[in-house]
Amino acid sequence: MTSESDAASALSHVGPCGEVRMVDVSSKEVTQREASASAIVTMKEEVLDALMEGSLPKGDALATARVGGIMAAKRTSEWIPLCHTLPLDWVAIEFQRVSRTELRVTCTAKTMSRTGVEMEALTGAAASALCIYDMAKAADKAIVIGPIQLEQKTGGKSGTYRRA
């Protein structure tokens, strides 16, 4: 049977005495890292039609959401405690209508770093979805965001992950 302190010390963000800490990645190898995450945004069909046409009353919501998602990905360490600040080499936001009422937002991020970009991709997708909500809420207050999920990641010690 393991004690609480033994279990805590096995976790990367928990020190031997149970204190929260930032992970030390200084000894890890710098490698190419890439991750993609998605968020589903569900809304009334006529609102999604207007969104896709760029005819919402607040203007081009997709352009705004693209810039908002990229900006958020670049500032992930300011949103997420203990997250490393990463030099992002590339961030892209893509939109795909997946049904009459659903839009998929995908954020892909790349870096050469000692730690992965999963959190940056997730933050970019989430922020982009929130921008869409903000731009479309006057037309549909019942917009739903979610799930937000990692789709794939490459690089680093744990290798490649792809959502089934």
Protein backbone atom coordinates (compact mmCIF):
# COMPACT_ATOMS: atom_id res chain seq x y z
CA MET A 1 0.00 0.00 0.00
CA THR A 2 1.39 3.40 -0.96
CA SER A 3 1.10 6.38 1.29
CA GLU A 4 -0.36 9.69 0.13
CA SER A 5 3.10 11.26 0.01
CA ASP A 6 4.43 8.36 -2.13
CA ALA A 7 1.54 8.78 -4.55
CA ALA A 8 1.98 12.56 -4.58
CA SER A 9 5.70 12.37 -5.35
CA ALA A 10 4.96 10.14 -8.38
CA LEU A 11 2.86 12.94 -9.92
CA SER A 12 4.83 15.41 -12.00
CA HIS A 13 3.08 18.54 -10.67
CA VAL A 14 3.28 17.49 -7.02
CA GLY A 15 6.46 17.64 -4.94
CA PRO A 16 7.58 15.11 -2.33
CA CYS A 17 5.79 17.00 0.46
CA GLY A 18 2.57 17.32 -1.55
CA GLU A 19 3.19 20.89 -2.72
CA VAL A 20 2.12 21.96 -6.19
CA ARG A 21 5.08 22.70 -8.46
CA MET A 22 6.01 23.37 -12.05
CA VAL A 23 7.61 20.39 -13.81
CA ASP A 24 11.34 20.79 -14.49
CA VAL A 25 11.80 20.05 -18.20
CA SER A 26 15.34 21.46 -18.45
CA SER A 27 16.92 18.03 -18.96
CA LYS A 28 14.46 16.94 -21.67
CA GLU A 29 15.53 16.95 -25.31
CA VAL A 30 14.24 19.69 -27.60
CA THR A 31 12.14 18.03 -30.31
CA GLN A 32 9.50 18.97 -32.86
CA ARG A 33 6.08 18.92 -31.14
CA GLU A 34 2.64 19.23 -32.71
CA ALA A 35 -0.87 18.92 -31.33
CA SER A 36 -4.41 19.42 -32.61
CA ALA A 37 -7.52 19.91 -30.49
CA SER A 38 -11.13 20.52 -31.36
CA ALA A 39 -14.22 22.12 -29.90
CA ILE A 40 -17.78 21.59 -31.08
CA VAL A 41 -20.06 24.63 -31.11
CA THR A 42 -23.79 23.86 -31.39
CA MET A 43 -26.35 26.53 -32.31
CA LYS A 44 -29.57 27.13 -34.20
CA GLU A 45 -29.33 26.18 -37.87
CA GLU A 46 -30.15 29.70 -39.09
CA VAL A 47 -27.48 31.18 -36.82
CA LEU A 48 -24.87 28.74 -38.11
CA ASP A 49 -25.94 29.61 -41.66
CA ALA A 50 -25.36 33.32 -40.93
CA LEU A 51 -22.06 32.53 -39.21
CA MET A 52 -20.80 30.58 -42.23
CA GLU A 53 -21.96 33.37 -44.60
CA GLY A 54 -20.29 36.05 -42.48
CA SER A 55 -23.61 37.83 -42.05
CA LEU A 56 -24.03 37.93 -38.27
CA PRO A 57 -24.88 41.41 -36.94
CA LYS A 58 -21.48 41.67 -35.21
CA GLY A 59 -19.58 40.94 -38.43
CA ASP A 60 -17.23 38.17 -39.55
CA ALA A 61 -17.25 35.93 -36.49
CA LEU A 62 -14.99 33.29 -38.03
CA ALA A 63 -12.21 35.80 -38.73
CA THR A 64 -12.52 37.13 -35.19
CA ALA A 65 -12.55 33.60 -33.74
CA ARG A 66 -9.48 32.63 -35.79
CA VAL A 67 -7.46 35.57 -34.45
CA GLY A 68 -8.80 35.07 -30.91
CA GLY A 69 -7.85 31.38 -30.92
CA ILE A 70 -4.34 32.07 -32.18
CA MET A 71 -3.82 34.84 -29.62
CA ALA A 72 -5.06 32.60 -26.79
CA ALA A 73 -2.80 29.70 -27.83
CA LYS A 74 0.18 32.07 -27.71
CA ARG A 75 -0.74 33.06 -24.13
CA THR A 76 -1.66 29.64 -22.72
CA SER A 77 0.82 29.87 -19.85
CA GLU A 78 -1.07 32.95 -18.63
CA TRP A 79 -4.35 30.98 -18.53
CA ILE A 80 -3.19 27.63 -17.16
CA PRO A 81 -1.27 27.51 -13.85
CA LEU A 82 2.11 25.72 -14.02
CA CYS A 83 2.02 25.57 -17.84
CA HIS A 84 5.36 26.29 -19.50
CA THR A 85 5.68 29.30 -21.80
CA LEU A 86 6.39 27.87 -25.25
CA PRO A 87 7.81 29.52 -28.36
CA LEU A 88 5.09 28.60 -30.84
CA ASP A 89 6.31 28.22 -34.39
CA TRP A 90 2.83 27.92 -35.92
CA VAL A 91 -0.80 28.01 -34.86
CA ALA A 92 -3.78 27.49 -37.16
CA ILE A 93 -7.52 27.58 -36.54
CA GLU A 94 -9.86 25.78 -38.94
CA PHE A 95 -13.66 25.61 -39.08
CA GLN A 96 -15.75 22.76 -40.42
CA ARG A 97 -19.52 22.53 -40.45
CA VAL A 98 -20.24 18.97 -39.33
CA SER A 99 -24.06 19.07 -39.24
CA ARG A 100 -26.98 21.47 -39.66
CA THR A 101 -26.32 22.86 -36.17
CA GLU A 102 -22.70 21.98 -35.34
CA LEU A 103 -19.40 23.62 -36.15
CA ARG A 104 -16.05 21.98 -35.37
CA VAL A 105 -13.23 24.35 -34.46
CA THR A 106 -9.77 22.79 -34.75
CA CYS A 107 -6.59 24.37 -33.44
CA THR A 108 -3.20 22.99 -34.44
CA ALA A 109 0.01 24.21 -32.82
CA LYS A 110 3.69 23.44 -33.53
CA THR A 111 6.89 24.13 -31.63
CA MET A 112 10.48 23.00 -31.17
CA SER A 113 10.57 22.58 -27.41
CA ARG A 114 11.17 20.35 -24.39
CA THR A 115 7.47 19.92 -23.66
CA GLY A 116 4.32 19.38 -25.69
CA VAL A 117 1.80 21.81 -27.15
CA GLU A 118 -1.39 19.99 -26.17
CA MET A 119 -2.47 22.75 -23.79
CA GLU A 120 -1.85 25.41 -26.44
CA ALA A 121 -4.00 23.53 -28.96
CA LEU A 122 -6.77 22.99 -26.40
CA THR A 123 -6.67 26.63 -25.29
CA GLY A 124 -6.78 27.87 -28.89
CA ALA A 125 -9.79 25.68 -29.72
CA ALA A 126 -11.61 26.72 -26.54
CA ALA A 127 -10.94 30.43 -26.99
CA SER A 128 -11.97 30.33 -30.63
CA ALA A 129 -15.25 28.64 -29.65
CA LEU A 130 -15.79 31.29 -26.96
CA CYS A 131 -15.24 34.03 -29.56
CA ILE A 132 -17.92 32.42 -31.75
CA TYR A 133 -20.29 32.40 -28.78
CA ASP A 134 -19.57 36.07 -28.12
CA MET A 135 -20.14 37.05 -31.75
CA ALA A 136 -23.34 34.96 -32.12
CA LYS A 137 -24.98 35.20 -28.67
CA ALA A 138 -27.32 38.02 -29.72
CA ALA A 139 -28.86 35.61 -32.26
CA ASP A 140 -28.83 32.49 -30.06
CA LYS A 141 -28.23 32.55 -26.31
CA ALA A 142 -28.57 28.74 -26.12
CA ILE A 143 -25.27 28.04 -27.94
CA VAL A 144 -23.43 25.08 -26.44
CA ILE A 145 -19.66 24.57 -26.50
CA GLY A 146 -18.26 21.07 -26.08
CA PRO A 147 -16.76 18.67 -26.09
CA ILE A 148 -13.32 20.22 -26.22
CA GLN A 149 -10.75 17.48 -26.76
CA LEU A 150 -7.25 16.60 -27.89
CA GLU A 151 -7.36 15.03 -31.36
CA GLN A 152 -3.69 14.17 -31.88
CA LYS A 153 -0.19 14.95 -30.69
CA THR A 154 3.26 14.04 -31.93
CA GLY A 155 6.76 14.36 -30.52
CA GLY A 156 8.30 13.91 -27.13
CA LYS A 157 8.94 10.90 -24.95
CA SER A 158 5.35 9.63 -25.05
CA GLY A 159 5.31 9.64 -28.88
CA THR A 160 2.21 9.89 -31.00
CA TYR A 161 -1.40 9.94 -29.84
CA ARG A 162 -4.41 9.96 -32.16
CA ARG A 163 -8.00 9.96 -30.94
CA ALA A 164 -9.74 6.81 -32.16
